[in-house]
Amino acid sequence: MAERIREFDPNNFIALIKGLKRVVLTSHINPDGDSLGCEIGFAEWLISIGKEVRVFNHSHIPENYKFLDRESPIIEIFDAEKHAQTIAEADAFFLLDTNDPLRAKSLAPFISAHKNPVLIDHHLDPKDFAKERFIDTDATSTGEMIFNLIKASQKDLGGSISRKAAQALYVAIMTDTGSFRFPRTDSDIFRISADLIDLGADPVVAYNETYNSAKASRVLLIGKCLSSLKFFFDDRLATQAIMQKDLNEAGAVEEEVDGFVQFPLQVATVEFSIFILELREGWKVSFRSKGNKSAAEVSKLFGGNGHFHAAGARIFEKKSFEALHKEICDAVFKFL
């Protein structure tokens, strides 16, 4: 089992931020609510204390999260020719909500080569690349960590959490707690959420924009996904899949499958849920688990990582769906 890590000293954070003038932020490919929320929330606060901030991502913002950055947009799509010099001149390059530079895709070599890479993250098994790192694997989200670091720093550094930052950090926490139902959702998280609401976050807008603004294509994909559902090992394992042809027939994009892996967990007997997405090159596999079963440990067998109950992997070697499905089922069986 992966070691729990808590390297989360606000005093070190304050000292680091004091010495910075120009800052660059990024996160993982195919951003989610937590990655986007902590980028926007952190950037807004840094700007409020006089820092020069740029946020570069490899991937576009998914449709259901565009509301977070609609007003005075911060996030830019990375272009090496345009942005390499800005990164080189930055005093620090922050990687948020993923602990492996490779997950930042086109930005990975720039993180590894930077003079001062900094990690803020809550996932297990961090890669050894950062000059400074702030890690709390017991945090519900990186958004929670950013909020706590900001609050601990305001006495010394000042600044404010804007309405936009509050909304973004609220969405980071809401999505990574599964709307406040996943493990480690405790009274502290509700107090943080209440503080963010007092600062301008709107929980109704946050939920509706995130979960109730899908295109018809997503609903068509849900039907395809559920029709692929299979149960194994006395209904303890459930698998689902979406193939490229399913995306094409529904007129959908890959980001629209977000959350599909959760559906089978509604079944009482299911201990592992696996969702397989065919990419244009390779496969993306999402792992979810219940109880004392570790999704992260299974995902590591396929080169992935994540949280104890929620993890993922990308597989780029050429293999058929049937072969991959069998490998995954065989691996899960050993854990069951």
Protein backbone atom coordinates (compact mmCIF):
# COMPACT_ATOMS: atom_id res chain seq x y z
CA MET A 1 0.00 0.00 0.00
CA ALA A 2 1.29 3.45 -0.89
CA GLU A 3 2.69 5.56 1.93
CA ARG A 4 0.58 8.45 3.19
CA ILE A 5 2.44 11.74 2.83
CA ARG A 6 1.89 15.10 4.46
CA GLU A 7 4.49 17.70 3.53
CA PHE A 8 2.36 20.72 4.08
CA ASP A 9 4.20 23.48 5.94
CA PRO A 10 2.51 26.88 5.42
CA ASN A 11 5.67 28.65 6.65
CA ASN A 12 7.66 27.14 3.79
CA PHE A 13 4.90 28.16 1.41
CA ILE A 14 4.92 31.76 2.66
CA ALA A 15 8.70 31.97 2.33
CA LEU A 16 8.51 30.56 -1.21
CA ILE A 17 5.77 32.93 -2.40
CA LYS A 18 7.55 35.97 -0.92
CA GLY A 19 10.52 35.32 -3.17
CA LEU A 20 8.53 35.06 -6.40
CA LYS A 21 7.60 37.72 -8.92
CA ARG A 22 6.72 35.76 -12.08
CA VAL A 23 4.79 32.49 -11.73
CA VAL A 24 3.55 29.86 -14.17
CA LEU A 25 0.88 27.26 -13.30
CA THR A 26 -0.24 24.10 -15.06
CA SER A 27 -2.02 20.82 -14.38
CA HIS A 28 -2.81 17.50 -16.02
CA ILE A 29 -4.13 16.66 -19.48
CA ASN A 30 -7.95 16.53 -19.77
CA PRO A 31 -8.53 18.85 -16.79
CA ASP A 32 -11.30 18.22 -14.29
CA GLY A 33 -13.04 20.32 -11.66
CA ASP A 34 -10.21 20.07 -9.16
CA SER A 35 -7.38 20.85 -11.56
CA LEU A 36 -9.18 23.83 -13.10
CA GLY A 37 -10.55 25.02 -9.76
CA CYS A 38 -7.20 25.07 -8.01
CA GLU A 39 -5.46 26.69 -11.01
CA ILE A 40 -8.00 29.52 -11.14
CA GLY A 41 -8.29 29.92 -7.38
CA PHE A 42 -4.52 29.98 -6.87
CA ALA A 43 -3.88 32.29 -9.84
CA GLU A 44 -6.52 34.79 -8.70
CA TRP A 45 -4.98 35.02 -5.22
CA LEU A 46 -1.42 35.33 -6.57
CA ILE A 47 -2.56 38.18 -8.80
CA SER A 48 -4.21 39.86 -5.80
CA ILE A 49 -0.82 39.98 -4.01
CA GLY A 50 0.96 41.49 -7.00
CA LYS A 51 2.45 38.45 -8.73
CA GLU A 52 2.66 38.09 -12.50
CA VAL A 53 0.81 34.86 -13.29
CA ARG A 54 0.29 32.78 -16.43
CA VAL A 55 -1.67 29.52 -16.56
CA PHE A 56 -0.88 27.13 -19.43
CA ASN A 57 -2.69 23.84 -20.05
CA HIS A 58 -2.21 21.18 -22.70
CA SER A 59 -5.97 20.57 -23.05
CA HIS A 60 -8.96 22.80 -23.61
CA ILE A 61 -11.43 23.40 -20.78
CA PRO A 62 -14.35 20.92 -20.97
CA GLU A 63 -17.70 22.52 -21.80
CA ASN A 64 -19.20 21.98 -18.35
CA TYR A 65 -16.33 23.86 -16.66
CA LYS A 66 -16.06 26.83 -19.02
CA PHE A 67 -18.23 28.90 -16.68
CA LEU A 68 -15.33 28.98 -14.20
CA ASP A 69 -13.08 30.97 -16.55
CA ARG A 70 -15.61 32.86 -18.64
CA GLU A 71 -15.11 36.16 -16.82
CA SER A 72 -11.61 37.63 -17.38
CA PRO A 73 -10.12 34.37 -18.68
CA ILE A 74 -6.87 33.17 -17.10
CA ILE A 75 -6.19 29.77 -18.64
CA GLU A 76 -4.34 29.59 -21.98
CA ILE A 77 -3.73 26.61 -24.27
CA PHE A 78 -0.01 25.94 -24.31
CA ASP A 79 1.97 26.78 -27.43
CA ALA A 80 5.68 26.03 -27.10
CA GLU A 81 6.73 28.65 -29.65
CA LYS A 82 4.75 31.40 -27.91
CA HIS A 83 5.17 30.42 -24.28
CA ALA A 84 8.58 28.75 -23.82
CA GLN A 85 10.29 32.05 -23.04
CA THR A 86 7.64 32.98 -20.46
CA ILE A 87 8.19 29.66 -18.69
CA ALA A 88 11.98 30.02 -18.77
CA GLU A 89 11.75 33.48 -17.22
CA ALA A 90 9.32 32.44 -14.47
CA ASP A 91 10.65 32.30 -10.92
CA ALA A 92 8.64 29.13 -10.26
CA PHE A 93 6.67 26.62 -12.30
CA PHE A 94 3.82 25.09 -10.27
CA LEU A 95 2.38 21.69 -11.18
CA LEU A 96 -1.05 21.33 -9.55
CA ASP A 97 -3.30 18.32 -8.97
CA THR A 98 -0.98 15.75 -10.50
CA ASN A 99 2.35 14.53 -9.19
CA ASP A 100 3.81 13.30 -12.48
CA PRO A 101 5.06 15.88 -15.03
CA LEU A 102 4.29 13.44 -17.85
CA ARG A 103 0.59 13.96 -17.16
CA ALA A 104 0.99 17.58 -18.28
CA LYS A 105 1.75 16.19 -21.76
CA SER A 106 3.34 18.91 -23.94
CA LEU A 107 4.42 20.88 -20.86
CA ALA A 108 6.28 17.92 -19.33
CA PRO A 109 9.78 18.72 -20.68
CA PHE A 110 9.42 22.36 -19.59
CA ILE A 111 8.55 21.30 -16.03
CA SER A 112 11.49 18.90 -15.84
CA ALA A 113 13.92 21.48 -17.22
CA HIS A 114 12.73 24.39 -15.08
CA LYS A 115 15.01 25.92 -12.46
CA ASN A 116 12.30 25.87 -9.78
CA PRO A 117 9.51 23.32 -10.29
CA VAL A 118 6.99 23.27 -7.42
CA LEU A 119 4.40 20.58 -6.70
CA ILE A 120 1.06 21.05 -4.93
CA ASP A 121 -0.97 17.84 -4.96
CA HIS A 122 -2.90 15.24 -2.98
CA HIS A 123 -2.31 12.04 -4.97
CA LEU A 124 -0.31 9.00 -3.87
CA ASP A 125 3.26 8.16 -4.96
CA PRO A 126 4.64 11.52 -6.15
CA LYS A 127 7.43 11.55 -8.71
CA ASP A 128 10.75 13.00 -7.56
CA PHE A 129 11.07 16.12 -9.70
CA ALA A 130 10.08 19.16 -7.61
CA LYS A 131 12.48 21.52 -5.88
CA GLU A 132 9.69 22.41 -3.46
CA ARG A 133 6.62 20.30 -2.81
CA PHE A 134 3.44 20.59 -0.79
CA ILE A 135 1.66 17.26 -0.51
CA ASP A 136 -1.25 16.02 1.58
CA THR A 137 -2.53 12.64 0.47
CA ASP A 138 -5.30 12.85 3.06
CA ALA A 139 -6.75 16.01 1.52
CA THR A 140 -10.01 15.64 -0.37
CA SER A 141 -8.71 17.75 -3.24
CA THR A 142 -5.92 20.03 -4.33
CA GLY A 143 -8.51 22.80 -4.11
CA GLU A 144 -8.78 22.15 -0.36
CA MET A 145 -5.00 22.42 -0.07
CA ILE A 146 -4.87 25.69 -2.02
CA PHE A 147 -7.60 27.18 0.18
CA ASN A 148 -5.76 26.21 3.36
CA LEU A 149 -2.42 27.54 2.06
CA ILE A 150 -4.02 30.85 1.08
CA LYS A 151 -5.77 31.25 4.45
CA ALA A 152 -2.56 30.43 6.31
CA SER A 153 -0.65 33.01 4.24
CA GLN A 154 -3.00 35.97 4.23
CA LYS A 155 -1.74 37.42 7.52
CA ASP A 156 1.78 37.69 6.09
CA LEU A 157 1.09 38.12 2.37
CA GLY A 158 -2.35 39.69 2.24
CA GLY A 159 -4.47 39.32 -0.85
CA SER A 160 -8.04 38.18 -1.19
CA ILE A 161 -10.12 35.28 -2.45
CA SER A 162 -12.26 36.80 -5.19
CA ARG A 163 -15.75 35.64 -6.08
CA LYS A 164 -14.30 33.89 -9.14
CA ALA A 165 -11.63 32.17 -7.02
CA ALA A 166 -14.22 31.12 -4.44
CA GLN A 167 -16.44 29.57 -7.12
CA ALA A 168 -13.47 27.74 -8.63
CA LEU A 169 -12.22 26.36 -5.31
CA TYR A 170 -15.76 25.32 -4.34
CA VAL A 171 -16.08 23.36 -7.61
CA ALA A 172 -12.65 21.78 -6.98
CA ILE A 173 -13.85 20.47 -3.63
CA MET A 174 -17.37 19.59 -4.79
CA THR A 175 -16.17 17.46 -7.71
CA ASP A 176 -13.34 15.66 -5.92
CA THR A 177 -15.59 14.77 -2.98
CA GLY A 178 -18.26 13.43 -5.34
CA SER A 179 -20.61 16.20 -4.20
CA PHE A 180 -19.56 15.66 -0.59
CA ARG A 181 -20.11 11.91 -0.40
CA PHE A 182 -16.64 10.35 -0.81
CA PRO A 183 -14.38 9.25 2.08
CA ARG A 184 -12.61 12.06 3.97
CA THR A 185 -15.63 14.34 3.57
CA ASP A 186 -15.72 15.72 7.12
CA SER A 187 -16.88 18.75 9.06
CA ASP A 188 -13.76 20.72 8.08
CA ILE A 189 -14.66 20.39 4.40
CA PHE A 190 -18.15 21.73 5.06
CA ARG A 191 -16.65 24.66 7.01
CA ILE A 192 -14.31 25.44 4.10
CA SER A 193 -17.24 25.21 1.69
CA ALA A 194 -19.28 27.56 3.88
CA ASP A 195 -16.40 30.04 3.87
CA LEU A 196 -16.24 29.86 0.07
CA ILE A 197 -19.99 30.46 -0.18
CA ASP A 198 -19.58 33.50 2.07
CA LEU A 199 -16.87 34.70 -0.35
CA GLY A 200 -19.22 34.44 -3.32
CA ALA A 201 -19.35 30.81 -4.46
CA ASP A 202 -22.81 29.81 -5.65
CA PRO A 203 -23.46 26.10 -4.93
CA VAL A 204 -26.56 26.00 -7.17
CA VAL A 205 -24.68 27.40 -10.17
CA ALA A 206 -21.69 25.17 -9.40
CA TYR A 207 -23.78 21.99 -9.43
CA ASN A 208 -26.00 22.89 -12.38
CA GLU A 209 -23.16 24.03 -14.63
CA THR A 210 -21.01 21.02 -13.72
CA TYR A 211 -23.61 18.25 -13.80
CA ASN A 212 -26.76 19.57 -15.53
CA SER A 213 -25.37 21.27 -18.62
CA ALA A 214 -24.54 18.23 -20.74
CA LYS A 215 -25.19 17.96 -24.46
CA ALA A 216 -27.60 15.35 -25.82
CA SER A 217 -24.53 13.45 -27.05
CA ARG A 218 -23.50 12.69 -23.45
CA VAL A 219 -26.91 11.20 -22.65
CA LEU A 220 -26.68 9.03 -25.78
CA LEU A 221 -23.25 7.88 -24.58
CA ILE A 222 -24.66 6.97 -21.17
CA GLY A 223 -27.04 4.59 -22.93
CA LYS A 224 -24.14 3.05 -24.88
CA CYS A 225 -22.08 2.75 -21.71
CA LEU A 226 -24.79 1.03 -19.70
CA SER A 227 -25.53 -1.37 -22.55
CA SER A 228 -21.89 -2.49 -22.33
CA LEU A 229 -22.13 -3.20 -18.59
CA LYS A 230 -20.97 -6.65 -17.51
CA PHE A 231 -20.61 -8.23 -14.07
CA PHE A 232 -18.03 -10.80 -12.97
CA PHE A 233 -16.97 -12.76 -9.88
CA ASP A 234 -20.41 -12.96 -8.24
CA ASP A 235 -21.17 -9.36 -9.25
CA ARG A 236 -18.16 -8.00 -7.34
CA LEU A 237 -16.53 -6.57 -10.48
CA ALA A 238 -18.33 -4.44 -13.07
CA THR A 239 -16.88 -3.32 -16.39
CA GLN A 240 -18.09 -0.83 -19.00
CA ALA A 241 -16.58 0.50 -22.22
CA ILE A 242 -16.97 3.23 -24.80
CA MET A 243 -15.29 2.81 -28.16
CA GLN A 244 -14.36 5.42 -30.78
CA LYS A 245 -17.29 4.32 -32.94
CA ASP A 246 -19.64 5.06 -30.02
CA LEU A 247 -18.22 8.59 -29.74
CA ASN A 248 -18.59 9.12 -33.47
CA GLU A 249 -22.16 7.81 -33.61
CA ALA A 250 -23.21 10.07 -30.73
CA GLY A 251 -21.31 13.08 -32.10
CA ALA A 252 -19.45 13.22 -28.77
CA VAL A 253 -15.94 13.95 -27.56
CA GLU A 254 -13.86 11.95 -25.09
CA GLU A 255 -14.38 14.40 -22.21
CA GLU A 256 -18.11 13.58 -22.18
CA VAL A 257 -17.51 10.18 -20.54
CA ASP A 258 -16.45 11.83 -17.29
CA GLY A 259 -18.06 10.05 -14.32
CA PHE A 260 -19.27 6.97 -16.21
CA VAL A 261 -17.11 4.71 -14.04
CA GLN A 262 -19.29 5.62 -11.04
CA PHE A 263 -22.53 4.07 -12.34
CA PRO A 264 -21.92 0.42 -11.29
CA LEU A 265 -20.96 1.42 -7.74
CA GLN A 266 -24.69 1.84 -7.10
CA VAL A 267 -24.90 -1.96 -7.04
CA ALA A 268 -24.45 -3.21 -3.47
CA THR A 269 -22.22 -6.17 -4.36
CA VAL A 270 -19.82 -4.27 -6.64
CA GLU A 271 -16.37 -3.74 -5.11
CA PHE A 272 -14.53 -2.73 -8.27
CA SER A 273 -15.82 -0.71 -11.22
CA ILE A 274 -13.73 -0.48 -14.40
CA PHE A 275 -14.41 1.87 -17.30
CA ILE A 276 -12.43 1.46 -20.53
CA LEU A 277 -12.32 4.23 -23.13
CA GLU A 278 -10.80 3.64 -26.54
CA LEU A 279 -8.57 6.58 -27.44
CA ARG A 280 -7.40 7.47 -30.92
CA GLU A 281 -4.10 5.96 -29.80
CA GLY A 282 -4.39 3.40 -27.03
CA TRP A 283 -6.76 3.19 -24.07
CA LYS A 284 -7.78 5.11 -20.99
CA VAL A 285 -8.88 2.99 -18.03
CA SER A 286 -10.66 4.34 -14.93
CA PHE A 287 -10.68 2.29 -11.72
CA ARG A 288 -13.04 2.74 -8.76
CA SER A 289 -13.36 0.64 -5.62
CA LYS A 290 -15.23 0.33 -2.35
CA GLY A 291 -14.31 -0.65 1.19
CA ASN A 292 -10.78 -1.93 1.76
CA LYS A 293 -10.09 -2.62 -1.93
CA SER A 294 -7.52 -0.32 -3.53
CA ALA A 295 -8.20 1.04 -7.01
CA ALA A 296 -4.75 2.64 -7.00
CA GLU A 297 -2.95 -0.68 -6.50
CA VAL A 298 -4.76 -2.22 -9.48
CA SER A 299 -4.08 0.81 -11.66
CA LYS A 300 -0.35 0.60 -10.92
CA LEU A 301 -0.28 -2.76 -12.67
CA PHE A 302 -1.16 -0.86 -15.84
CA GLY A 303 1.19 2.08 -15.30
CA GLY A 304 -1.39 4.27 -13.59
CA ASN A 305 -1.94 5.83 -10.17
CA GLY A 306 -4.38 7.93 -8.20
CA HIS A 307 -6.23 7.67 -4.91
CA PHE A 308 -7.04 4.59 -2.85
CA HIS A 309 -10.61 4.39 -4.18
CA ALA A 310 -10.19 6.28 -7.48
CA ALA A 311 -7.40 5.88 -10.01
CA GLY A 312 -6.67 5.75 -13.71
CA ALA A 313 -4.19 4.64 -16.34
CA ARG A 314 -3.37 5.36 -19.97
CA ILE A 315 -2.19 2.44 -22.06
CA PHE A 316 -0.51 3.24 -25.35
CA GLU A 317 0.73 -0.19 -26.41
CA LYS A 318 -1.30 -1.75 -29.20
CA LYS A 319 -3.67 -4.41 -27.96
CA SER A 320 -7.25 -5.44 -28.60
CA PHE A 321 -10.12 -4.54 -26.30
CA GLU A 322 -10.65 -8.25 -25.59
CA ALA A 323 -7.03 -8.71 -24.52
CA LEU A 324 -7.02 -5.61 -22.33
CA HIS A 325 -10.37 -6.48 -20.74
CA LYS A 326 -9.11 -9.96 -19.85
CA GLU A 327 -5.89 -8.58 -18.36
CA ILE A 328 -7.85 -6.17 -16.17
CA CYS A 329 -10.34 -8.80 -15.02
CA ASP A 330 -7.50 -11.19 -14.18
CA ALA A 331 -5.73 -8.46 -12.19
CA VAL A 332 -8.83 -7.49 -10.23
CA PHE A 333 -9.58 -11.13 -9.47
CA LYS A 334 -6.31 -11.37 -7.51
CA PHE A 335 -7.43 -8.47 -5.33
CA LEU A 336 -10.86 -10.01 -4.77
